[in-house]
Every structure is written in structure tokens, then in C-alpha cells.
């Protein structure tokens, strides 16, 4: 297992043994030991560990290199927008409008061009 992921799991579990982690997650100890010996354990195993220790399952996927931080942020932003109140959305739009007034215009990148619906 890669060092960064190994440290993340150790920090999360407080250095629990494989046996203890297996008991908390409900994953059979032999299966867990086999998965943790892999360069990148199966995503399902990592998610079960994160959930069992009340961590964000998306975070472990970023640490393991399964998804990028940008992908995690994009996934979370859609949910945040859906749960935002109208007042929160309007406040953010006003903040952006004010920011645009204070900043000289720049040419959008290729990826941004399609996203600029209101300009």
C-alpha cells in the first residue's frame, strides 16, 4: 500500500491492528489483510474503513489516488448548490458580481468557455 494511504489509515484508526479494523468494519480479517497488502486496496474496502471510523469516504479515494481532488470538489459542489437556500445562492451571485466589477476581464480557458452562461 502506498505510504500516504497507509499513514491516512493509521491516523484514522489510531493505529488499530488489522484485527481491530476488521471488527469495526465487519470485513473478514483475512480479506482485510489481503486488501491492505495491495498497492491500492479495493475502493469498497477503503470506503468501508472510512465509514466505520466516521471519515469522509471521498477523502480516502483522493488519498488513494482513485479520484483527484478536483473531481471530489466538482462532485461536492453540485450537492452544495442543490442544498443551498435561495438567499445563499443570491448572496454568492452578488459576491461574484462585485468581484467581477473589481477585477479586469480575462479571456476564459477552454474548459470555462462553455460554463459561462450569463456573460
PDB file of N, CA and C in Angstrom:
ATOM      1  N   UNK A   1       0.857  -1.175   0.000  1.00  0.00           N
ATOM      2  CA  UNK A   1       0.000   0.000   0.000  1.00  0.00           C
ATOM      3  C   UNK A   1       0.900   1.235   0.000  1.00  0.00           C
ATOM      4  N   UNK A   2       0.503   2.253  -0.744  1.00  0.00           N
ATOM      5  CA  UNK A   2       1.301   3.468  -0.802  1.00  0.00           C
ATOM      6  C   UNK A   2       1.384   4.135   0.575  1.00  0.00           C
ATOM      7  N   UNK A   3       2.507   4.801   0.820  1.00  0.00           N
ATOM      8  CA  UNK A   3       2.782   5.361   2.147  1.00  0.00           C
ATOM      9  C   UNK A   3       1.742   6.385   2.609  1.00  0.00           C
ATOM     10  N   UNK A   4       1.324   7.270   1.719  1.00  0.00           N
ATOM     11  CA  UNK A   4       0.349   8.299   2.108  1.00  0.00           C
ATOM     12  C   UNK A   4      -0.962   7.659   2.555  1.00  0.00           C
ATOM     13  N   UNK A   5      -1.417   6.659   1.838  1.00  0.00           N
ATOM     14  CA  UNK A   5      -2.652   5.966   2.195  1.00  0.00           C
ATOM     15  C   UNK A   5      -2.477   5.194   3.506  1.00  0.00           C
ATOM     16  N   UNK A   6      -1.338   4.562   3.664  1.00  0.00           N
ATOM     17  CA  UNK A   6      -1.057   3.823   4.889  1.00  0.00           C
ATOM     18  C   UNK A   6      -1.100   4.762   6.099  1.00  0.00           C
ATOM     19  N   UNK A   7      -0.477   5.931   5.994  1.00  0.00           N
ATOM     20  CA  UNK A   7      -0.491   6.920   7.084  1.00  0.00           C
ATOM     21  C   UNK A   7      -1.904   7.405   7.357  1.00  0.00           C
ATOM     22  N   UNK A   8      -2.702   7.614   6.288  1.00  0.00           N
ATOM     23  CA  UNK A   8      -4.071   8.099   6.449  1.00  0.00           C
ATOM     24  C   UNK A   8      -4.883   7.080   7.258  1.00  0.00           C
ATOM     25  N   UNK A   9      -4.751   5.803   6.906  1.00  0.00           N
ATOM     26  CA  UNK A   9      -5.488   4.747   7.620  1.00  0.00           C
ATOM     27  C   UNK A   9      -5.004   4.645   9.064  1.00  0.00           C
ATOM     28  N   UNK A  10      -3.699   4.723   9.281  1.00  0.00           N
ATOM     29  CA  UNK A  10      -3.162   4.664  10.650  1.00  0.00           C
ATOM     30  C   UNK A  10      -3.671   5.828  11.491  1.00  0.00           C
ATOM     31  N   UNK A  11      -3.662   7.024  10.901  1.00  0.00           N
ATOM     32  CA  UNK A  11      -4.167   8.202  11.629  1.00  0.00           C
ATOM     33  C   UNK A  11      -5.657   8.058  11.934  1.00  0.00           C
ATOM     34  N   UNK A  12      -6.408   7.610  10.945  1.00  0.00           N
ATOM     35  CA  UNK A  12      -7.855   7.465  11.099  1.00  0.00           C
ATOM     36  C   UNK A  12      -8.209   6.449  12.175  1.00  0.00           C
ATOM     37  N   UNK A  13      -7.510   5.322  12.157  1.00  0.00           N
ATOM     38  CA  UNK A  13      -7.852   4.230  13.068  1.00  0.00           C
ATOM     39  C   UNK A  13      -7.113   4.314  14.400  1.00  0.00           C
ATOM     40  N   UNK A  14      -6.261   5.307  14.540  1.00  0.00           N
ATOM     41  CA  UNK A  14      -5.480   5.417  15.770  1.00  0.00           C
ATOM     42  C   UNK A  14      -4.462   4.296  15.889  1.00  0.00           C
ATOM     43  N   UNK A  15      -4.038   3.753  14.750  1.00  0.00           N
ATOM     44  CA  UNK A  15      -3.062   2.674  14.752  1.00  0.00           C
ATOM     45  C   UNK A  15      -3.638   1.320  15.107  1.00  0.00           C
ATOM     46  N   UNK A  16      -4.953   1.174  14.981  1.00  0.00           N
ATOM     47  CA  UNK A  16      -5.589  -0.117  15.283  1.00  0.00           C
ATOM     48  C   UNK A  16      -4.966  -1.241  14.456  1.00  0.00           C
ATOM     49  N   UNK A  17      -4.980  -2.425  14.999  1.00  0.00           N
ATOM     50  CA  UNK A  17      -4.492  -3.609  14.293  1.00  0.00           C
ATOM     51  C   UNK A  17      -5.482  -3.983  13.190  1.00  0.00           C
ATOM     52  N   UNK A  18      -5.026  -4.820  12.292  1.00  0.00           N
ATOM     53  CA  UNK A  18      -5.906  -5.319  11.234  1.00  0.00           C
ATOM     54  C   UNK A  18      -7.104  -6.032  11.850  1.00  0.00           C
ATOM     55  N   UNK A  19      -6.862  -6.782  12.925  1.00  0.00           N
ATOM     56  CA  UNK A  19      -7.954  -7.483  13.610  1.00  0.00           C
ATOM     57  C   UNK A  19      -8.998  -6.490  14.133  1.00  0.00           C
ATOM     58  N   UNK A  20      -8.543  -5.394  14.747  1.00  0.00           N
ATOM     59  CA  UNK A  20      -9.475  -4.388  15.275  1.00  0.00           C
ATOM     60  C   UNK A  20     -10.245  -3.693  14.161  1.00  0.00           C
ATOM     61  N   UNK A  21      -9.530  -3.344  13.089  1.00  0.00           N
ATOM     62  CA  UNK A  21     -10.191  -2.691  11.953  1.00  0.00           C
ATOM     63  C   UNK A  21     -11.232  -3.633  11.354  1.00  0.00           C
ATOM     64  N   UNK A  22     -10.887  -4.907  11.243  1.00  0.00           N
ATOM     65  CA  UNK A  22     -11.835  -5.901  10.717  1.00  0.00           C
ATOM     66  C   UNK A  22     -13.078  -5.972  11.588  1.00  0.00           C
ATOM     67  N   UNK A  23     -12.891  -5.928  12.899  1.00  0.00           N
ATOM     68  CA  UNK A  23     -14.040  -5.998  13.808  1.00  0.00           C
ATOM     69  C   UNK A  23     -14.927  -4.766  13.662  1.00  0.00           C
ATOM     70  N   UNK A  24     -14.323  -3.604  13.500  1.00  0.00           N
ATOM     71  CA  UNK A  24     -15.096  -2.359  13.382  1.00  0.00           C
ATOM     72  C   UNK A  24     -15.818  -2.286  12.037  1.00  0.00           C
ATOM     73  N   UNK A  25     -15.155  -2.729  10.976  1.00  0.00           N
ATOM     74  CA  UNK A  25     -15.738  -2.615   9.635  1.00  0.00           C
ATOM     75  C   UNK A  25     -16.658  -3.775   9.272  1.00  0.00           C
ATOM     76  N   UNK A  26     -16.451  -4.919   9.909  1.00  0.00           N
ATOM     77  CA  UNK A  26     -17.221  -6.100   9.535  1.00  0.00           C
ATOM     78  C   UNK A  26     -16.620  -6.852   8.362  1.00  0.00           C
ATOM     79  N   UNK A  27     -15.442  -6.432   7.916  1.00  0.00           N
ATOM     80  CA  UNK A  27     -14.741  -7.130   6.832  1.00  0.00           C
ATOM     81  C   UNK A  27     -13.954  -8.282   7.469  1.00  0.00           C
ATOM     82  N   UNK A  28     -14.027  -9.487   6.920  1.00  0.00           N
ATOM     83  CA  UNK A  28     -13.241 -10.587   7.481  1.00  0.00           C
ATOM     84  C   UNK A  28     -11.755 -10.217   7.555  1.00  0.00           C
ATOM     85  N   UNK A  29     -11.107 -10.600   8.649  1.00  0.00           N
ATOM     86  CA  UNK A  29      -9.727 -10.210   8.890  1.00  0.00           C
ATOM     87  C   UNK A  29      -8.791 -10.639   7.758  1.00  0.00           C
ATOM     88  N   UNK A  30      -8.941 -11.859   7.271  1.00  0.00           N
ATOM     89  CA  UNK A  30      -8.065 -12.341   6.193  1.00  0.00           C
ATOM     90  C   UNK A  30      -8.256 -11.509   4.922  1.00  0.00           C
ATOM     91  N   UNK A  31      -9.494 -11.175   4.624  1.00  0.00           N
ATOM     92  CA  UNK A  31      -9.790 -10.348   3.443  1.00  0.00           C
ATOM     93  C   UNK A  31      -9.182  -8.964   3.615  1.00  0.00           C
ATOM     94  N   UNK A  32      -9.383  -8.379   4.782  1.00  0.00           N
ATOM     95  CA  UNK A  32      -8.849  -7.045   5.041  1.00  0.00           C
ATOM     96  C   UNK A  32      -7.330  -7.043   4.942  1.00  0.00           C
ATOM     97  N   UNK A  33      -6.678  -8.013   5.541  1.00  0.00           N
ATOM     98  CA  UNK A  33      -5.215  -8.101   5.491  1.00  0.00           C
ATOM     99  C   UNK A  33      -4.733  -8.221   4.043  1.00  0.00           C
ATOM    100  N   UNK A  34      -5.410  -9.023   3.259  1.00  0.00           N
ATOM    101  CA  UNK A  34      -5.049  -9.193   1.846  1.00  0.00           C
ATOM    102  C   UNK A  34      -5.227  -7.879   1.087  1.00  0.00           C
ATOM    103  N   UNK A  35      -6.338  -7.188   1.330  1.00  0.00           N
ATOM    104  CA  UNK A  35      -6.604  -5.922   0.645  1.00  0.00           C
ATOM    105  C   UNK A  35      -5.591  -4.851   1.033  1.00  0.00           C
ATOM    106  N   UNK A  36      -5.258  -4.790   2.329  1.00  0.00           N
ATOM    107  CA  UNK A  36      -4.313  -3.767   2.787  1.00  0.00           C
ATOM    108  C   UNK A  36      -2.882  -4.036   2.336  1.00  0.00           C
ATOM    109  N   UNK A  37      -2.603  -5.247   1.885  1.00  0.00           N
ATOM    110  CA  UNK A  37      -1.279  -5.578   1.363  1.00  0.00           C
ATOM    111  C   UNK A  37      -1.124  -5.168  -0.103  1.00  0.00           C
ATOM    112  N   UNK A  38      -2.232  -4.820  -0.753  1.00  0.00           N
ATOM    113  CA  UNK A  38      -2.195  -4.425  -2.166  1.00  0.00           C
ATOM    114  C   UNK A  38      -1.657  -2.991  -2.296  1.00  0.00           C
ATOM    115  N   UNK A  39      -1.086  -2.651  -3.477  1.00  0.00           N
ATOM    116  CA  UNK A  39      -0.634  -1.271  -3.692  1.00  0.00           C
ATOM    117  C   UNK A  39      -1.781  -0.258  -3.512  1.00  0.00           C
ATOM    118  N   UNK A  40      -2.936  -0.572  -4.068  1.00  0.00           N
ATOM    119  CA  UNK A  40      -4.142   0.224  -3.844  1.00  0.00           C
ATOM    120  C   UNK A  40      -5.268  -0.748  -3.513  1.00  0.00           C
ATOM    121  N   UNK A  41      -5.695  -0.771  -2.261  1.00  0.00           N
ATOM    122  CA  UNK A  41      -6.787  -1.680  -1.873  1.00  0.00           C
ATOM    123  C   UNK A  41      -8.061  -1.362  -2.664  1.00  0.00           C
ATOM    124  N   UNK A  42      -8.962  -2.326  -2.778  1.00  0.00           N
ATOM    125  CA  UNK A  42     -10.236  -2.071  -3.472  1.00  0.00           C
ATOM    126  C   UNK A  42     -10.965  -0.882  -2.846  1.00  0.00           C
ATOM    127  N   UNK A  43     -11.565  -0.087  -3.698  1.00  0.00           N
ATOM    128  CA  UNK A  43     -12.257   1.124  -3.235  1.00  0.00           C
ATOM    129  C   UNK A  43     -13.341   0.788  -2.222  1.00  0.00           C
ATOM    130  N   UNK A  44     -14.002  -0.343  -2.398  1.00  0.00           N
ATOM    131  CA  UNK A  44     -15.060  -0.726  -1.457  1.00  0.00           C
ATOM    132  C   UNK A  44     -14.509  -0.900  -0.044  1.00  0.00           C
ATOM    133  N   UNK A  45     -13.335  -1.499   0.057  1.00  0.00           N
ATOM    134  CA  UNK A  45     -12.694  -1.700   1.356  1.00  0.00           C
ATOM    135  C   UNK A  45     -12.334  -0.356   1.984  1.00  0.00           C
ATOM    136  N   UNK A  46     -11.762   0.532   1.190  1.00  0.00           N
ATOM    137  CA  UNK A  46     -11.380   1.854   1.697  1.00  0.00           C
ATOM    138  C   UNK A  46     -12.603   2.637   2.177  1.00  0.00           C
ATOM    139  N   UNK A  47     -13.685   2.549   1.423  1.00  0.00           N
ATOM    140  CA  UNK A  47     -14.916   3.243   1.805  1.00  0.00           C
ATOM    141  C   UNK A  47     -15.476   2.663   3.102  1.00  0.00           C
ATOM    142  N   UNK A  48     -15.443   1.348   3.245  1.00  0.00           N
ATOM    143  CA  UNK A  48     -15.928   0.722   4.487  1.00  0.00           C
ATOM    144  C   UNK A  48     -15.106   1.168   5.687  1.00  0.00           C
ATOM    145  N   UNK A  49     -13.802   1.267   5.520  1.00  0.00           N
ATOM    146  CA  UNK A  49     -12.948   1.736   6.616  1.00  0.00           C
ATOM    147  C   UNK A  49     -13.300   3.177   6.967  1.00  0.00           C
ATOM    148  N   UNK A  50     -13.413   4.023   5.947  1.00  0.00           N
ATOM    149  CA  UNK A  50     -13.750   5.432   6.195  1.00  0.00           C
ATOM    150  C   UNK A  50     -15.091   5.550   6.918  1.00  0.00           C
ATOM    151  N   UNK A  51     -16.080   4.850   6.442  1.00  0.00           N
ATOM    152  CA  UNK A  51     -17.411   4.924   7.065  1.00  0.00           C
ATOM    153  C   UNK A  51     -17.394   4.415   8.506  1.00  0.00           C
ATOM    154  N   UNK A  52     -16.694   3.306   8.731  1.00  0.00           N
ATOM    155  CA  UNK A  52     -16.654   2.710  10.070  1.00  0.00           C
ATOM    156  C   UNK A  52     -16.014   3.641  11.086  1.00  0.00           C
ATOM    157  N   UNK A  53     -15.094   4.491  10.622  1.00  0.00           N
ATOM    158  CA  UNK A  53     -14.407   5.416  11.521  1.00  0.00           C
ATOM    159  C   UNK A  53     -14.905   6.859  11.347  1.00  0.00           C
ATOM    160  N   UNK A  54     -16.090   7.009  10.767  1.00  0.00           N
ATOM    161  CA  UNK A  54     -16.763   8.302  10.611  1.00  0.00           C
ATOM    162  C   UNK A  54     -15.935   9.324   9.833  1.00  0.00           C
ATOM    163  N   UNK A  55     -15.243   8.864   8.803  1.00  0.00           N
ATOM    164  CA  UNK A  55     -14.486   9.759   7.927  1.00  0.00           C
ATOM    165  C   UNK A  55     -15.230   9.901   6.601  1.00  0.00           C
ATOM    166  N   UNK A  56     -14.864  10.901   5.852  1.00  0.00           N
ATOM    167  CA  UNK A  56     -15.475  11.136   4.550  1.00  0.00           C
ATOM    168  C   UNK A  56     -14.944  10.104   3.548  1.00  0.00           C
ATOM    169  N   UNK A  57     -15.812   9.274   2.971  1.00  0.00           N
ATOM    170  CA  UNK A  57     -15.339   8.257   2.026  1.00  0.00           C
ATOM    171  C   UNK A  57     -14.725   8.845   0.758  1.00  0.00           C
ATOM    172  N   UNK A  58     -15.068  10.076   0.443  1.00  0.00           N
ATOM    173  CA  UNK A  58     -14.471  10.714  -0.735  1.00  0.00           C
ATOM    174  C   UNK A  58     -13.004  11.040  -0.454  1.00  0.00           C
ATOM    175  N   UNK A  59     -12.719  11.457   0.776  1.00  0.00           N
ATOM    176  CA  UNK A  59     -11.348  11.809   1.139  1.00  0.00           C
ATOM    177  C   UNK A  59     -10.383  10.642   0.945  1.00  0.00           C
ATOM    178  N   UNK A  60     -10.766   9.453   1.347  1.00  0.00           N
ATOM    179  CA  UNK A  60      -9.877   8.300   1.202  1.00  0.00           C
ATOM    180  C   UNK A  60      -9.655   7.976  -0.273  1.00  0.00           C
ATOM    181  N   UNK A  61     -10.634   8.231  -1.117  1.00  0.00           N
ATOM    182  CA  UNK A  61     -10.462   7.987  -2.549  1.00  0.00           C
ATOM    183  C   UNK A  61      -9.449   8.959  -3.148  1.00  0.00           C
ATOM    184  N   UNK A  62      -9.434  10.195  -2.640  1.00  0.00           N
ATOM    185  CA  UNK A  62      -8.441  11.169  -3.085  1.00  0.00           C
ATOM    186  C   UNK A  62      -7.053  10.747  -2.606  1.00  0.00           C
ATOM    187  N   UNK A  63      -6.941  10.403  -1.340  1.00  0.00           N
ATOM    188  CA  UNK A  63      -5.656   9.984  -0.765  1.00  0.00           C
ATOM    189  C   UNK A  63      -5.104   8.765  -1.507  1.00  0.00           C
ATOM    190  N   UNK A  64      -5.975   7.840  -1.876  1.00  0.00           N
ATOM    191  CA  UNK A  64      -5.552   6.617  -2.573  1.00  0.00           C
ATOM    192  C   UNK A  64      -5.258   6.852  -4.045  1.00  0.00           C
ATOM    193  N   UNK A  65      -5.594   8.029  -4.560  1.00  0.00           N
ATOM    194  CA  UNK A  65      -5.347   8.318  -5.970  1.00  0.00           C
ATOM    195  C   UNK A  65      -6.400   7.744  -6.895  1.00  0.00           C
ATOM    196  N   UNK A  66      -7.542   7.370  -6.349  1.00  0.00           N
ATOM    197  CA  UNK A  66      -8.627   6.810  -7.160  1.00  0.00           C
ATOM    198  C   UNK A  66      -9.334   7.929  -7.922  1.00  0.00           C
ATOM    199  N   UNK A  67      -9.537   9.049  -7.234  1.00  0.00           N
ATOM    200  CA  UNK A  67     -10.072  10.244  -7.884  1.00  0.00           C
ATOM    201  C   UNK A  67      -9.174  11.419  -7.508  1.00  0.00           C
ATOM    202  N   UNK A  68      -9.229  12.476  -8.286  1.00  0.00           N
ATOM    203  CA  UNK A  68      -8.423  13.660  -7.983  1.00  0.00           C
ATOM    204  C   UNK A  68      -9.183  14.573  -7.037  1.00  0.00           C
ATOM    205  N   UNK A  69      -8.464  15.483  -6.435  1.00  0.00           N
ATOM    206  CA  UNK A  69      -9.111  16.444  -5.545  1.00  0.00           C
ATOM    207  C   UNK A  69     -10.100  17.313  -6.319  1.00  0.00           C
ATOM    208  N   UNK A  70      -9.758  17.664  -7.556  1.00  0.00           N
ATOM    209  CA  UNK A  70     -10.662  18.465  -8.382  1.00  0.00           C
ATOM    210  C   UNK A  70     -11.955  17.708  -8.666  1.00  0.00           C
ATOM    211  N   UNK A  71     -11.855  16.412  -8.919  1.00  0.00           N
ATOM    212  CA  UNK A  71     -13.053  15.602  -9.157  1.00  0.00           C
ATOM    213  C   UNK A  71     -13.926  15.546  -7.900  1.00  0.00           C
ATOM    214  N   UNK A  72     -13.288  15.416  -6.754  1.00  0.00           N
ATOM    215  CA  UNK A  72     -14.036  15.379  -5.492  1.00  0.00           C
ATOM    216  C   UNK A  72     -14.749  16.704  -5.250  1.00  0.00           C
ATOM    217  N   UNK A  73     -14.083  17.790  -5.543  1.00  0.00           N
ATOM    218  CA  UNK A  73     -14.700  19.105  -5.354  1.00  0.00           C
ATOM    219  C   UNK A  73     -15.856  19.320  -6.314  1.00  0.00           C
ATOM    220  N   UNK A  74     -15.687  18.898  -7.572  1.00  0.00           N
ATOM    221  CA  UNK A  74     -16.785  19.038  -8.538  1.00  0.00           C
ATOM    222  C   UNK A  74     -17.995  18.235  -8.098  1.00  0.00           C
ATOM    223  N   UNK A  75     -17.771  17.032  -7.602  1.00  0.00           N
ATOM    224  CA  UNK A  75     -18.876  16.182  -7.153  1.00  0.00           C
ATOM    225  C   UNK A  75     -19.596  16.824  -5.980  1.00  0.00           C
ATOM    226  N   UNK A  76     -18.852  17.416  -5.075  1.00  0.00           N
ATOM    227  CA  UNK A  76     -19.447  18.045  -3.901  1.00  0.00           C
ATOM    228  C   UNK A  76     -20.146  19.347  -4.204  1.00  0.00           C
ATOM    229  N   UNK A  77     -19.685  20.069  -5.216  1.00  0.00           N
ATOM    230  CA  UNK A  77     -20.278  21.379  -5.492  1.00  0.00           C
ATOM    231  C   UNK A  77     -21.707  21.258  -6.000  1.00  0.00           C
ATOM    232  N   UNK A  78     -22.003  20.227  -6.781  1.00  0.00           N
ATOM    233  CA  UNK A  78     -23.373  20.045  -7.263  1.00  0.00           C
ATOM    234  C   UNK A  78     -24.332  19.806  -6.115  1.00  0.00           C
ATOM    235  N   UNK A  79     -23.916  19.018  -5.161  1.00  0.00           N
ATOM    236  CA  UNK A  79     -24.739  18.750  -3.987  1.00  0.00           C
ATOM    237  C   UNK A  79     -24.926  20.013  -3.164  1.00  0.00           C
ATOM    238  N   UNK A  80     -23.868  20.780  -3.003  1.00  0.00           N
ATOM    239  CA  UNK A  80     -23.951  22.018  -2.221  1.00  0.00           C
ATOM    240  C   UNK A  80     -24.920  23.001  -2.862  1.00  0.00           C
ATOM    241  N   UNK A  81     -24.897  23.089  -4.159  1.00  0.00           N
ATOM    242  CA  UNK A  81     -25.799  24.006  -4.855  1.00  0.00           C
ATOM    243  C   UNK A  81     -27.251  23.570  -4.657  1.00  0.00           C
ATOM    244  N   UNK A  82     -27.513  22.300  -4.762  1.00  0.00           N
ATOM    245  CA  UNK A  82     -28.883  21.800  -4.593  1.00  0.00           C
ATOM    246  C   UNK A  82     -29.413  22.048  -3.188  1.00  0.00           C
ATOM    247  N   UNK A  83     -28.531  22.054  -2.193  1.00  0.00           N
ATOM    248  CA  UNK A  83     -28.966  22.225  -0.820  1.00  0.00           C
ATOM    249  C   UNK A  83     -28.906  23.674  -0.338  1.00  0.00           C
ATOM    250  N   UNK A  84     -28.358  24.560  -1.158  1.00  0.00           N
ATOM    251  CA  UNK A  84     -28.249  25.965  -0.764  1.00  0.00           C
ATOM    252  C   UNK A  84     -29.624  26.631  -0.819  1.00  0.00           C
ATOM    253  N   UNK A  85     -29.829  27.564   0.095  1.00  0.00           N
ATOM    254  CA  UNK A  85     -31.079  28.322   0.084  1.00  0.00           C
ATOM    255  C   UNK A  85     -31.030  29.368  -1.021  1.00  0.00           C
ATOM    256  N   UNK A  86     -32.171  29.900  -1.373  1.00  0.00           N
ATOM    257  CA  UNK A  86     -32.221  30.958  -2.378  1.00  0.00           C
ATOM    258  C   UNK A  86     -31.391  32.147  -1.927  1.00  0.00           C
ATOM    259  N   UNK A  87     -31.485  32.493  -0.655  1.00  0.00           N
ATOM    260  CA  UNK A  87     -30.706  33.624  -0.125  1.00  0.00           C
ATOM    261  C   UNK A  87     -29.206  33.358  -0.263  1.00  0.00           C
ATOM    262  N   UNK A  88     -28.749  32.128   0.013  1.00  0.00           N
ATOM    263  CA  UNK A  88     -27.332  31.796  -0.119  1.00  0.00           C
ATOM    264  C   UNK A  88     -26.879  31.894  -1.578  1.00  0.00           C
ATOM    265  N   UNK A  89     -27.721  31.412  -2.483  1.00  0.00           N
ATOM    266  CA  UNK A  89     -27.389  31.499  -3.907  1.00  0.00           C
ATOM    267  C   UNK A  89     -27.295  32.952  -4.363  1.00  0.00           C
ATOM    268  N   UNK A  90     -28.268  33.764  -3.964  1.00  0.00           N
ATOM    269  CA  UNK A  90     -28.250  35.171  -4.353  1.00  0.00           C
ATOM    270  C   UNK A  90     -27.052  35.902  -3.755  1.00  0.00           C
ATOM    271  N   UNK A  91     -26.732  35.609  -2.520  1.00  0.00           N
ATOM    272  CA  UNK A  91     -25.569  36.230  -1.883  1.00  0.00           C
ATOM    273  C   UNK A  91     -24.296  35.887  -2.647  1.00  0.00           C
ATOM    274  N   UNK A  92     -24.163  34.630  -3.042  1.00  0.00           N
ATOM    275  CA  UNK A  92     -22.985  34.215  -3.810  1.00  0.00           C
ATOM    276  C   UNK A  92     -22.952  34.900  -5.174  1.00  0.00           C
ATOM    277  N   UNK A  93     -24.101  35.011  -5.830  1.00  0.00           N
ATOM    278  CA  UNK A  93     -24.136  35.695  -7.127  1.00  0.00           C
ATOM    279  C   UNK A  93     -23.749  37.166  -6.990  1.00  0.00           C
ATOM    280  N   UNK A  94     -24.239  37.823  -5.946  1.00  0.00           N
ATOM    281  CA  UNK A  94     -23.869  39.224  -5.708  1.00  0.00           C
ATOM    282  C   UNK A  94     -22.379  39.361  -5.393  1.00  0.00           C
ATOM    283  N   UNK A  95     -21.843  38.423  -4.619  1.00  0.00           N
ATOM    284  CA  UNK A  95     -20.416  38.457  -4.304  1.00  0.00           C
ATOM    285  C   UNK A  95     -19.587  38.317  -5.579  1.00  0.00           C
ATOM    286  N   UNK A  96     -19.993  37.403  -6.456  1.00  0.00           N
ATOM    287  CA  UNK A  96     -19.268  37.207  -7.708  1.00  0.00           C
ATOM    288  C   UNK A  96     -19.390  38.428  -8.613  1.00  0.00           C
ATOM    289  N   UNK A  97     -20.574  39.013  -8.644  1.00  0.00           N
ATOM    290  CA  UNK A  97     -20.778  40.205  -9.459  1.00  0.00           C
ATOM    291  C   UNK A  97     -19.865  41.333  -8.985  1.00  0.00           C
ATOM    292  N   UNK A  98     -19.787  41.533  -7.682  1.00  0.00           N
ATOM    293  CA  UNK A  98     -18.912  42.560  -7.104  1.00  0.00           C
ATOM    294  C   UNK A  98     -17.460  42.254  -7.419  1.00  0.00           C
ATOM    295  N   UNK A  99     -17.078  40.986  -7.308  1.00  0.00           N
ATOM    296  CA  UNK A  99     -15.708  40.568  -7.607  1.00  0.00           C
ATOM    297  C   UNK A  99     -15.371  40.849  -9.072  1.00  0.00           C
ATOM    298  N   UNK A 100     -16.320  40.605  -9.969  1.00  0.00           N
ATOM    299  CA  UNK A 100     -16.102  40.860 -11.394  1.00  0.00           C
ATOM    300  C   UNK A 100     -15.950  42.346 -11.684  1.00  0.00           C
ATOM    301  N   UNK A 101     -16.655  43.192 -10.938  1.00  0.00           N
ATOM    302  CA  UNK A 101     -16.522  44.638 -11.120  1.00  0.00           C
ATOM    303  C   UNK A 101     -15.132  45.117 -10.727  1.00  0.00           C
ATOM    304  N   UNK A 102     -14.552  44.474  -9.722  1.00  0.00           N
ATOM    305  CA  UNK A 102     -13.255  44.877  -9.186  1.00  0.00           C
ATOM    306  C   UNK A 102     -12.074  44.262  -9.923  1.00  0.00           C
ATOM    307  N   UNK A 103     -12.333  43.288 -10.798  1.00  0.00           N
ATOM    308  CA  UNK A 103     -11.269  42.561 -11.486  1.00  0.00           C
ATOM    309  C   UNK A 103     -11.356  42.812 -12.985  1.00  0.00           C
ATOM    310  N   UNK A 104     -10.216  43.157 -13.614  1.00  0.00           N
ATOM    311  CA  UNK A 104     -10.261  43.335 -15.068  1.00  0.00           C
ATOM    312  C   UNK A 104     -10.628  42.030 -15.760  1.00  0.00           C
ATOM    313  N   UNK A 105     -11.389  42.088 -16.849  1.00  0.00           N
ATOM    314  CA  UNK A 105     -11.816  40.859 -17.527  1.00  0.00           C
ATOM    315  C   UNK A 105     -10.622  40.099 -18.098  1.00  0.00           C
ATOM    316  N   UNK A 106     -10.738  38.777 -18.133  1.00  0.00           N
ATOM    317  CA  UNK A 106      -9.721  37.925 -18.737  1.00  0.00           C
ATOM    318  C   UNK A 106     -10.414  36.973 -19.691  1.00  0.00           C
ATOM    319  N   UNK A 107      -9.648  36.456 -20.617  1.00  0.00           N
ATOM    320  CA  UNK A 107     -10.192  35.505 -21.577  1.00  0.00           C
ATOM    321  C   UNK A 107     -10.377  34.160 -20.867  1.00  0.00           C
ATOM    322  N   UNK A 108     -11.582  33.526 -20.962  1.00  0.00           N
ATOM    323  CA  UNK A 108     -11.807  32.236 -20.290  1.00  0.00           C
ATOM    324  C   UNK A 108     -10.987  31.131 -20.933  1.00  0.00           C
ATOM    325  N   UNK A 109     -10.593  30.156 -20.123  1.00  0.00           N
ATOM    326  CA  UNK A 109      -9.892  28.987 -20.645  1.00  0.00           C
ATOM    327  C   UNK A 109     -10.878  28.149 -21.448  1.00  0.00           C
ATOM    328  N   UNK A 110     -10.365  27.174 -22.167  1.00  0.00           N
ATOM    329  CA  UNK A 110     -11.215  26.310 -22.997  1.00  0.00           C
ATOM    330  C   UNK A 110     -12.302  25.630 -22.159  1.00  0.00           C
ATOM    331  N   UNK A 111     -11.936  25.139 -20.972  1.00  0.00           N
ATOM    332  CA  UNK A 111     -12.899  24.436 -20.118  1.00  0.00           C
ATOM    333  C   UNK A 111     -13.956  25.361 -19.529  1.00  0.00           C
ATOM    334  N   UNK A 112     -13.601  26.627 -19.322  1.00  0.00           N
ATOM    335  CA  UNK A 112     -14.534  27.579 -18.745  1.00  0.00           C
ATOM    336  C   UNK A 112     -15.507  28.157 -19.774  1.00  0.00           C
ATOM    337  N   UNK A 113     -15.101  28.165 -21.022  1.00  0.00           N
ATOM    338  CA  UNK A 113     -15.887  28.848 -22.028  1.00  0.00           C
ATOM    339  C   UNK A 113     -17.333  28.386 -22.070  1.00  0.00           C
ATOM    340  N   UNK A 114     -17.569  27.084 -22.023  1.00  0.00           N
ATOM    341  CA  UNK A 114     -18.920  26.553 -22.084  1.00  0.00           C
ATOM    342  C   UNK A 114     -19.698  26.780 -20.801  1.00  0.00           C
ATOM    343  N   UNK A 115     -19.004  27.008 -19.694  1.00  0.00           N
ATOM    344  CA  UNK A 115     -19.660  27.164 -18.402  1.00  0.00           C
ATOM    345  C   UNK A 115     -20.151  28.590 -18.160  1.00  0.00           C
ATOM    346  N   UNK A 116     -19.731  29.512 -18.952  1.00  0.00           N
ATOM    347  CA  UNK A 116     -20.110  30.914 -18.749  1.00  0.00           C
ATOM    348  C   UNK A 116     -21.413  31.209 -19.478  1.00  0.00           C
ATOM    349  N   UNK A 117     -22.497  30.874 -18.855  1.00  0.00           N
ATOM    350  CA  UNK A 117     -23.806  31.023 -19.486  1.00  0.00           C
ATOM    351  C   UNK A 117     -24.335  32.461 -19.450  1.00  0.00           C
ATOM    352  N   UNK A 118     -23.952  33.213 -18.439  1.00  0.00           N
ATOM    353  CA  UNK A 118     -24.570  34.517 -18.229  1.00  0.00           C
ATOM    354  C   UNK A 118     -23.669  35.683 -18.618  1.00  0.00           C
ATOM    355  N   UNK A 119     -22.584  35.413 -19.303  1.00  0.00           N
ATOM    356  CA  UNK A 119     -21.697  36.523 -19.694  1.00  0.00           C
ATOM    357  C   UNK A 119     -21.617  36.662 -21.175  1.00  0.00           C
TER     358      UNK A 119
END
